[in-house]
């Protein structure tokens, strides 16, 4: 029983590492809605202008999970705080 649990934990850890190393194409990012873009063309244009975190792998635009996290953090809206005491 413990051996099966250890194998599952090891498999989950391997999947996490593989996910961190995976590169996503702009098409996949738009399709899976990782970023708030509905058009691949617009996403690519923003990358060409260096307005979006991404990688240029051999001249191809790709995204890592870190790029996606950073871009989501960059575009996050901070909630307004109501001023004044009571």
PDB file of N, CA and C in Angstrom:
ATOM      1  N   UNK A   1       0.825  -1.197   0.000  1.00  0.00           N
ATOM      2  CA  UNK A   1       0.000   0.000   0.000  1.00  0.00           C
ATOM      3  C   UNK A   1       0.865   1.255   0.000  1.00  0.00           C
ATOM      4  N   UNK A   2       1.882   1.275   0.859  1.00  0.00           N
ATOM      5  CA  UNK A   2       2.769   2.432   0.934  1.00  0.00           C
ATOM      6  C   UNK A   2       3.559   2.581  -0.354  1.00  0.00           C
ATOM      7  N   UNK A   3       3.936   1.467  -0.947  1.00  0.00           N
ATOM      8  CA  UNK A   3       4.714   1.503  -2.189  1.00  0.00           C
ATOM      9  C   UNK A   3       3.908   2.175  -3.311  1.00  0.00           C
ATOM     10  N   UNK A   4       2.618   1.875  -3.401  1.00  0.00           N
ATOM     11  CA  UNK A   4       1.758   2.500  -4.412  1.00  0.00           C
ATOM     12  C   UNK A   4       1.625   3.998  -4.148  1.00  0.00           C
ATOM     13  N   UNK A   5       1.508   4.373  -2.893  1.00  0.00           N
ATOM     14  CA  UNK A   5       1.408   5.789  -2.540  1.00  0.00           C
ATOM     15  C   UNK A   5       2.707   6.521  -2.892  1.00  0.00           C
ATOM     16  N   UNK A   6       3.845   5.910  -2.605  1.00  0.00           N
ATOM     17  CA  UNK A   6       5.142   6.506  -2.943  1.00  0.00           C
ATOM     18  C   UNK A   6       5.296   6.673  -4.450  1.00  0.00           C
ATOM     19  N   UNK A   7       4.841   5.696  -5.200  1.00  0.00           N
ATOM     20  CA  UNK A   7       4.907   5.796  -6.663  1.00  0.00           C
ATOM     21  C   UNK A   7       4.022   6.934  -7.166  1.00  0.00           C
ATOM     22  N   UNK A   8       2.852   7.119  -6.558  1.00  0.00           N
ATOM     23  CA  UNK A   8       1.952   8.198  -6.969  1.00  0.00           C
ATOM     24  C   UNK A   8       2.567   9.553  -6.664  1.00  0.00           C
ATOM     25  N   UNK A   9       3.172   9.705  -5.496  1.00  0.00           N
ATOM     26  CA  UNK A   9       3.820  10.962  -5.122  1.00  0.00           C
ATOM     27  C   UNK A   9       4.959  11.259  -6.080  1.00  0.00           C
ATOM     28  N   UNK A  10       5.747  10.239  -6.415  1.00  0.00           N
ATOM     29  CA  UNK A  10       6.856  10.403  -7.351  1.00  0.00           C
ATOM     30  C   UNK A  10       6.335  10.794  -8.729  1.00  0.00           C
ATOM     31  N   UNK A  11       5.264  10.170  -9.171  1.00  0.00           N
ATOM     32  CA  UNK A  11       4.678  10.492 -10.470  1.00  0.00           C
ATOM     33  C   UNK A  11       4.145  11.923 -10.486  1.00  0.00           C
ATOM     34  N   UNK A  12       3.497  12.349  -9.400  1.00  0.00           N
ATOM     35  CA  UNK A  12       2.984  13.719  -9.312  1.00  0.00           C
ATOM     36  C   UNK A  12       4.123  14.729  -9.342  1.00  0.00           C
ATOM     37  N   UNK A  13       5.203  14.437  -8.640  1.00  0.00           N
ATOM     38  CA  UNK A  13       6.352  15.344  -8.621  1.00  0.00           C
ATOM     39  C   UNK A  13       6.973  15.442 -10.007  1.00  0.00           C
ATOM     40  N   UNK A  14       7.045  14.320 -10.712  1.00  0.00           N
ATOM     41  CA  UNK A  14       7.599  14.324 -12.066  1.00  0.00           C
ATOM     42  C   UNK A  14       6.716  15.151 -13.008  1.00  0.00           C
ATOM     43  N   UNK A  15       5.401  15.035 -12.862  1.00  0.00           N
ATOM     44  CA  UNK A  15       4.490  15.831 -13.681  1.00  0.00           C
ATOM     45  C   UNK A  15       4.655  17.319 -13.403  1.00  0.00           C
ATOM     46  N   UNK A  16       4.860  17.687 -12.141  1.00  0.00           N
ATOM     47  CA  UNK A  16       5.077  19.091 -11.797  1.00  0.00           C
ATOM     48  C   UNK A  16       6.342  19.627 -12.459  1.00  0.00           C
ATOM     49  N   UNK A  17       7.403  18.846 -12.426  1.00  0.00           N
ATOM     50  CA  UNK A  17       8.662  19.262 -13.047  1.00  0.00           C
ATOM     51  C   UNK A  17       8.488  19.376 -14.551  1.00  0.00           C
ATOM     52  N   UNK A  18       7.822  18.412 -15.156  1.00  0.00           N
ATOM     53  CA  UNK A  18       7.588  18.451 -16.602  1.00  0.00           C
ATOM     54  C   UNK A  18       6.729  19.656 -16.978  1.00  0.00           C
ATOM     55  N   UNK A  19       5.746  19.985 -16.166  1.00  0.00           N
ATOM     56  CA  UNK A  19       4.889  21.139 -16.448  1.00  0.00           C
ATOM     57  C   UNK A  19       5.696  22.430 -16.386  1.00  0.00           C
ATOM     58  N   UNK A  20       6.634  22.521 -15.454  1.00  0.00           N
ATOM     59  CA  UNK A  20       7.471  23.715 -15.349  1.00  0.00           C
ATOM     60  C   UNK A  20       8.385  23.865 -16.563  1.00  0.00           C
ATOM     61  N   UNK A  21       8.784  22.762 -17.162  1.00  0.00           N
ATOM     62  CA  UNK A  21       9.702  22.810 -18.296  1.00  0.00           C
ATOM     63  C   UNK A  21       8.997  22.928 -19.642  1.00  0.00           C
ATOM     64  N   UNK A  22       7.701  22.674 -19.675  1.00  0.00           N
ATOM     65  CA  UNK A  22       6.962  22.676 -20.933  1.00  0.00           C
ATOM     66  C   UNK A  22       6.873  24.070 -21.521  1.00  0.00           C
ATOM     67  N   UNK A  23       6.935  24.155 -22.838  1.00  0.00           N
ATOM     68  CA  UNK A  23       6.765  25.419 -23.557  1.00  0.00           C
ATOM     69  C   UNK A  23       5.433  25.378 -24.290  1.00  0.00           C
ATOM     70  N   UNK A  24       4.633  26.415 -24.103  1.00  0.00           N
ATOM     71  CA  UNK A  24       3.321  26.518 -24.728  1.00  0.00           C
ATOM     72  C   UNK A  24       3.412  27.459 -25.922  1.00  0.00           C
ATOM     73  N   UNK A  25       2.724  27.125 -27.004  1.00  0.00           N
ATOM     74  CA  UNK A  25       2.667  28.003 -28.172  1.00  0.00           C
ATOM     75  C   UNK A  25       1.593  29.064 -27.938  1.00  0.00           C
ATOM     76  N   UNK A  26       1.646  30.176 -28.679  1.00  0.00           N
ATOM     77  CA  UNK A  26       0.568  31.174 -28.543  1.00  0.00           C
ATOM     78  C   UNK A  26      -0.812  30.574 -28.814  1.00  0.00           C
ATOM     79  N   UNK A  27      -0.893  29.655 -29.762  1.00  0.00           N
ATOM     80  CA  UNK A  27      -2.175  29.009 -30.075  1.00  0.00           C
ATOM     81  C   UNK A  27      -2.706  28.248 -28.866  1.00  0.00           C
ATOM     82  N   UNK A  28      -1.832  27.518 -28.178  1.00  0.00           N
ATOM     83  CA  UNK A  28      -2.255  26.766 -26.997  1.00  0.00           C
ATOM     84  C   UNK A  28      -2.658  27.705 -25.856  1.00  0.00           C
ATOM     85  N   UNK A  29      -1.909  28.780 -25.686  1.00  0.00           N
ATOM     86  CA  UNK A  29      -2.218  29.739 -24.614  1.00  0.00           C
ATOM     87  C   UNK A  29      -3.599  30.346 -24.820  1.00  0.00           C
ATOM     88  N   UNK A  30      -3.922  30.710 -26.052  1.00  0.00           N
ATOM     89  CA  UNK A  30      -5.240  31.295 -26.343  1.00  0.00           C
ATOM     90  C   UNK A  30      -6.332  30.229 -26.212  1.00  0.00           C
ATOM     91  N   UNK A  31      -6.079  29.041 -26.751  1.00  0.00           N
ATOM     92  CA  UNK A  31      -7.076  27.965 -26.710  1.00  0.00           C
ATOM     93  C   UNK A  31      -7.425  27.568 -25.276  1.00  0.00           C
ATOM     94  N   UNK A  32      -6.405  27.457 -24.420  1.00  0.00           N
ATOM     95  CA  UNK A  32      -6.631  27.032 -23.039  1.00  0.00           C
ATOM     96  C   UNK A  32      -6.943  28.206 -22.110  1.00  0.00           C
ATOM     97  N   UNK A  33      -6.978  29.412 -22.666  1.00  0.00           N
ATOM     98  CA  UNK A  33      -7.320  30.636 -21.943  1.00  0.00           C
ATOM     99  C   UNK A  33      -6.420  30.862 -20.730  1.00  0.00           C
ATOM    100  N   UNK A  34      -5.105  30.628 -20.919  1.00  0.00           N
ATOM    101  CA  UNK A  34      -4.136  30.894 -19.859  1.00  0.00           C
ATOM    102  C   UNK A  34      -3.947  32.392 -19.657  1.00  0.00           C
ATOM    103  N   UNK A  35      -4.103  33.156 -20.728  1.00  0.00           N
ATOM    104  CA  UNK A  35      -4.003  34.616 -20.676  1.00  0.00           C
ATOM    105  C   UNK A  35      -5.275  35.201 -21.288  1.00  0.00           C
ATOM    106  N   UNK A  36      -5.610  36.440 -20.951  1.00  0.00           N
ATOM    107  CA  UNK A  36      -6.892  37.012 -21.408  1.00  0.00           C
ATOM    108  C   UNK A  36      -6.853  37.536 -22.841  1.00  0.00           C
ATOM    109  N   UNK A  37      -6.434  36.705 -23.767  1.00  0.00           N
ATOM    110  CA  UNK A  37      -6.420  37.079 -25.180  1.00  0.00           C
ATOM    111  C   UNK A  37      -7.320  36.110 -25.928  1.00  0.00           C
ATOM    112  N   UNK A  38      -8.120  36.639 -26.842  1.00  0.00           N
ATOM    113  CA  UNK A  38      -9.014  35.795 -27.630  1.00  0.00           C
ATOM    114  C   UNK A  38      -8.470  35.558 -29.023  1.00  0.00           C
ATOM    115  N   UNK A  39      -7.406  36.294 -29.387  1.00  0.00           N
ATOM    116  CA  UNK A  39      -6.837  36.205 -30.720  1.00  0.00           C
ATOM    117  C   UNK A  39      -5.347  35.894 -30.636  1.00  0.00           C
ATOM    118  N   UNK A  40      -4.927  34.881 -31.370  1.00  0.00           N
ATOM    119  CA  UNK A  40      -3.511  34.526 -31.431  1.00  0.00           C
ATOM    120  C   UNK A  40      -2.717  35.666 -32.047  1.00  0.00           C
ATOM    121  N   UNK A  41      -3.290  36.303 -33.048  1.00  0.00           N
ATOM    122  CA  UNK A  41      -2.601  37.406 -33.717  1.00  0.00           C
ATOM    123  C   UNK A  41      -2.297  38.553 -32.759  1.00  0.00           C
ATOM    124  N   UNK A  42      -3.269  38.924 -31.949  1.00  0.00           N
ATOM    125  CA  UNK A  42      -3.073  40.013 -30.988  1.00  0.00           C
ATOM    126  C   UNK A  42      -1.998  39.625 -29.968  1.00  0.00           C
ATOM    127  N   UNK A  43      -2.045  38.396 -29.478  1.00  0.00           N
ATOM    128  CA  UNK A  43      -1.040  37.930 -28.521  1.00  0.00           C
ATOM    129  C   UNK A  43       0.353  37.986 -29.134  1.00  0.00           C
ATOM    130  N   UNK A  44       0.496  37.514 -30.358  1.00  0.00           N
ATOM    131  CA  UNK A  44       1.793  37.547 -31.031  1.00  0.00           C
ATOM    132  C   UNK A  44       2.269  38.978 -31.244  1.00  0.00           C
ATOM    133  N   UNK A  45       1.370  39.870 -31.631  1.00  0.00           N
ATOM    134  CA  UNK A  45       1.755  41.269 -31.839  1.00  0.00           C
ATOM    135  C   UNK A  45       2.248  41.896 -30.546  1.00  0.00           C
ATOM    136  N   UNK A  46       1.599  41.577 -29.440  1.00  0.00           N
ATOM    137  CA  UNK A  46       2.048  42.093 -28.145  1.00  0.00           C
ATOM    138  C   UNK A  46       3.428  41.528 -27.791  1.00  0.00           C
ATOM    139  N   UNK A  47       3.675  40.288 -28.168  1.00  0.00           N
ATOM    140  CA  UNK A  47       4.995  39.693 -27.933  1.00  0.00           C
ATOM    141  C   UNK A  47       6.047  40.382 -28.797  1.00  0.00           C
ATOM    142  N   UNK A  48       5.724  40.632 -30.074  1.00  0.00           N
ATOM    143  CA  UNK A  48       6.670  41.315 -30.954  1.00  0.00           C
ATOM    144  C   UNK A  48       7.047  42.676 -30.396  1.00  0.00           C
ATOM    145  N   UNK A  49       6.091  43.358 -29.769  1.00  0.00           N
ATOM    146  CA  UNK A  49       6.329  44.678 -29.185  1.00  0.00           C
ATOM    147  C   UNK A  49       6.935  44.596 -27.786  1.00  0.00           C
ATOM    148  N   UNK A  50       7.169  43.375 -27.321  1.00  0.00           N
ATOM    149  CA  UNK A  50       7.727  43.117 -25.981  1.00  0.00           C
ATOM    150  C   UNK A  50       6.834  43.667 -24.872  1.00  0.00           C
ATOM    151  N   UNK A  51       5.536  43.497 -25.044  1.00  0.00           N
ATOM    152  CA  UNK A  51       4.566  43.944 -24.055  1.00  0.00           C
ATOM    153  C   UNK A  51       4.065  42.797 -23.182  1.00  0.00           C
ATOM    154  N   UNK A  52       4.444  41.572 -23.533  1.00  0.00           N
ATOM    155  CA  UNK A  52       3.988  40.379 -22.820  1.00  0.00           C
ATOM    156  C   UNK A  52       5.216  39.520 -22.516  1.00  0.00           C
ATOM    157  N   UNK A  53       5.273  38.946 -21.307  1.00  0.00           N
ATOM    158  CA  UNK A  53       6.356  38.031 -20.962  1.00  0.00           C
ATOM    159  C   UNK A  53       6.285  36.790 -21.855  1.00  0.00           C
ATOM    160  N   UNK A  54       7.388  36.430 -22.487  1.00  0.00           N
ATOM    161  CA  UNK A  54       7.455  35.249 -23.353  1.00  0.00           C
ATOM    162  C   UNK A  54       8.911  34.913 -23.624  1.00  0.00           C
ATOM    163  N   UNK A  55       9.148  33.852 -24.384  1.00  0.00           N
ATOM    164  CA  UNK A  55      10.482  33.457 -24.833  1.00  0.00           C
ATOM    165  C   UNK A  55      10.499  33.435 -26.362  1.00  0.00           C
ATOM    166  N   UNK A  56      11.643  33.739 -26.936  1.00  0.00           N
ATOM    167  CA  UNK A  56      11.856  33.578 -28.377  1.00  0.00           C
ATOM    168  C   UNK A  56      12.795  32.399 -28.565  1.00  0.00           C
ATOM    169  N   UNK A  57      12.230  31.248 -28.721  1.00  0.00           N
ATOM    170  CA  UNK A  57      13.027  30.027 -28.895  1.00  0.00           C
ATOM    171  C   UNK A  57      13.269  29.778 -30.371  1.00  0.00           C
ATOM    172  N   UNK A  58      14.464  30.105 -30.827  1.00  0.00           N
ATOM    173  CA  UNK A  58      14.786  29.896 -32.238  1.00  0.00           C
ATOM    174  C   UNK A  58      13.889  30.705 -33.147  1.00  0.00           C
ATOM    175  N   UNK A  59      13.487  31.884 -32.704  1.00  0.00           N
ATOM    176  CA  UNK A  59      12.615  32.729 -33.510  1.00  0.00           C
ATOM    177  C   UNK A  59      11.139  32.436 -33.345  1.00  0.00           C
ATOM    178  N   UNK A  60      10.794  31.481 -32.511  1.00  0.00           N
ATOM    179  CA  UNK A  60       9.386  31.144 -32.252  1.00  0.00           C
ATOM    180  C   UNK A  60       8.983  31.643 -30.883  1.00  0.00           C
ATOM    181  N   UNK A  61       7.793  32.171 -30.788  1.00  0.00           N
ATOM    182  CA  UNK A  61       7.269  32.653 -29.517  1.00  0.00           C
ATOM    183  C   UNK A  61       6.746  31.461 -28.732  1.00  0.00           C
ATOM    184  N   UNK A  62       7.224  31.324 -27.497  1.00  0.00           N
ATOM    185  CA  UNK A  62       6.729  30.280 -26.602  1.00  0.00           C
ATOM    186  C   UNK A  62       6.551  30.871 -25.212  1.00  0.00           C
ATOM    187  N   UNK A  63       5.795  30.145 -24.384  1.00  0.00           N
ATOM    188  CA  UNK A  63       5.510  30.580 -23.028  1.00  0.00           C
ATOM    189  C   UNK A  63       5.794  29.440 -22.059  1.00  0.00           C
ATOM    190  N   UNK A  64       6.452  29.758 -20.959  1.00  0.00           N
ATOM    191  CA  UNK A  64       6.610  28.808 -19.862  1.00  0.00           C
ATOM    192  C   UNK A  64       5.531  29.115 -18.830  1.00  0.00           C
ATOM    193  N   UNK A  65       5.372  28.231 -17.859  1.00  0.00           N
ATOM    194  CA  UNK A  65       4.415  28.513 -16.788  1.00  0.00           C
ATOM    195  C   UNK A  65       4.811  29.776 -16.040  1.00  0.00           C
ATOM    196  N   UNK A  66       6.120  30.012 -15.889  1.00  0.00           N
ATOM    197  CA  UNK A  66       6.584  31.231 -15.219  1.00  0.00           C
ATOM    198  C   UNK A  66       6.183  32.472 -16.011  1.00  0.00           C
ATOM    199  N   UNK A  67       6.295  32.423 -17.339  1.00  0.00           N
ATOM    200  CA  UNK A  67       5.861  33.555 -18.172  1.00  0.00           C
ATOM    201  C   UNK A  67       4.369  33.839 -17.960  1.00  0.00           C
ATOM    202  N   UNK A  68       3.583  32.787 -17.945  1.00  0.00           N
ATOM    203  CA  UNK A  68       2.133  32.929 -17.789  1.00  0.00           C
ATOM    204  C   UNK A  68       1.803  33.487 -16.405  1.00  0.00           C
ATOM    205  N   UNK A  69       2.490  32.988 -15.369  1.00  0.00           N
ATOM    206  CA  UNK A  69       2.275  33.506 -14.016  1.00  0.00           C
ATOM    207  C   UNK A  69       2.646  34.986 -13.929  1.00  0.00           C
ATOM    208  N   UNK A  70       3.797  35.342 -14.486  1.00  0.00           N
ATOM    209  CA  UNK A  70       4.258  36.734 -14.433  1.00  0.00           C
ATOM    210  C   UNK A  70       3.307  37.661 -15.178  1.00  0.00           C
ATOM    211  N   UNK A  71       2.821  37.218 -16.317  1.00  0.00           N
ATOM    212  CA  UNK A  71       1.900  38.051 -17.091  1.00  0.00           C
ATOM    213  C   UNK A  71       0.568  38.212 -16.366  1.00  0.00           C
ATOM    214  N   UNK A  72       0.087  37.150 -15.756  1.00  0.00           N
ATOM    215  CA  UNK A  72      -1.158  37.257 -14.978  1.00  0.00           C
ATOM    216  C   UNK A  72      -0.977  38.169 -13.772  1.00  0.00           C
ATOM    217  N   UNK A  73       0.164  38.106 -13.118  1.00  0.00           N
ATOM    218  CA  UNK A  73       0.435  38.989 -11.983  1.00  0.00           C
ATOM    219  C   UNK A  73       0.555  40.440 -12.450  1.00  0.00           C
ATOM    220  N   UNK A  74       1.179  40.656 -13.594  1.00  0.00           N
ATOM    221  CA  UNK A  74       1.365  42.007 -14.116  1.00  0.00           C
ATOM    222  C   UNK A  74       0.037  42.675 -14.438  1.00  0.00           C
ATOM    223  N   UNK A  75      -0.919  41.899 -14.931  1.00  0.00           N
ATOM    224  CA  UNK A  75      -2.196  42.474 -15.357  1.00  0.00           C
ATOM    225  C   UNK A  75      -3.292  42.379 -14.292  1.00  0.00           C
ATOM    226  N   UNK A  76      -2.936  41.894 -13.100  1.00  0.00           N
ATOM    227  CA  UNK A  76      -3.922  41.779 -12.026  1.00  0.00           C
ATOM    228  C   UNK A  76      -4.364  43.167 -11.565  1.00  0.00           C
ATOM    229  N   UNK A  77      -5.621  43.273 -11.216  1.00  0.00           N
ATOM    230  CA  UNK A  77      -6.185  44.535 -10.733  1.00  0.00           C
ATOM    231  C   UNK A  77      -6.245  44.458  -9.212  1.00  0.00           C
ATOM    232  N   UNK A  78      -5.715  45.468  -8.574  1.00  0.00           N
ATOM    233  CA  UNK A  78      -5.739  45.534  -7.112  1.00  0.00           C
ATOM    234  C   UNK A  78      -7.081  46.114  -6.673  1.00  0.00           C
ATOM    235  N   UNK A  79      -7.751  45.482  -5.739  1.00  0.00           N
ATOM    236  CA  UNK A  79      -9.046  46.004  -5.296  1.00  0.00           C
ATOM    237  C   UNK A  79      -8.889  47.365  -4.623  1.00  0.00           C
ATOM    238  N   UNK A  80      -9.879  48.202  -4.825  1.00  0.00           N
ATOM    239  CA  UNK A  80      -9.868  49.529  -4.204  1.00  0.00           C
ATOM    240  C   UNK A  80     -10.178  49.384  -2.722  1.00  0.00           C
ATOM    241  N   UNK A  81      -9.516  50.207  -1.933  1.00  0.00           N
ATOM    242  CA  UNK A  81      -9.735  50.196  -0.491  1.00  0.00           C
ATOM    243  C   UNK A  81     -10.586  51.423  -0.152  1.00  0.00           C
ATOM    244  N   UNK A  82     -11.659  51.191   0.552  1.00  0.00           N
ATOM    245  CA  UNK A  82     -12.521  52.305   0.955  1.00  0.00           C
ATOM    246  C   UNK A  82     -11.825  53.093   2.055  1.00  0.00           C
ATOM    247  N   UNK A  83     -11.751  54.372   1.839  1.00  0.00           N
ATOM    248  CA  UNK A  83     -11.073  55.224   2.807  1.00  0.00           C
ATOM    249  C   UNK A  83     -12.009  55.724   3.891  1.00  0.00           C
ATOM    250  N   UNK A  84     -11.425  56.257   4.917  1.00  0.00           N
ATOM    251  CA  UNK A  84     -12.206  56.873   5.991  1.00  0.00           C
ATOM    252  C   UNK A  84     -12.579  55.897   7.080  1.00  0.00           C
ATOM    253  N   UNK A  85     -12.540  56.372   8.263  1.00  0.00           N
ATOM    254  CA  UNK A  85     -12.943  55.545   9.408  1.00  0.00           C
ATOM    255  C   UNK A  85     -14.378  55.916   9.777  1.00  0.00           C
ATOM    256  N   UNK A  86     -15.167  54.893   9.867  1.00  0.00           N
ATOM    257  CA  UNK A  86     -16.491  54.900  10.306  1.00  0.00           C
ATOM    258  C   UNK A  86     -17.360  55.987  10.261  1.00  0.00           C
TER     259      UNK A  86
END
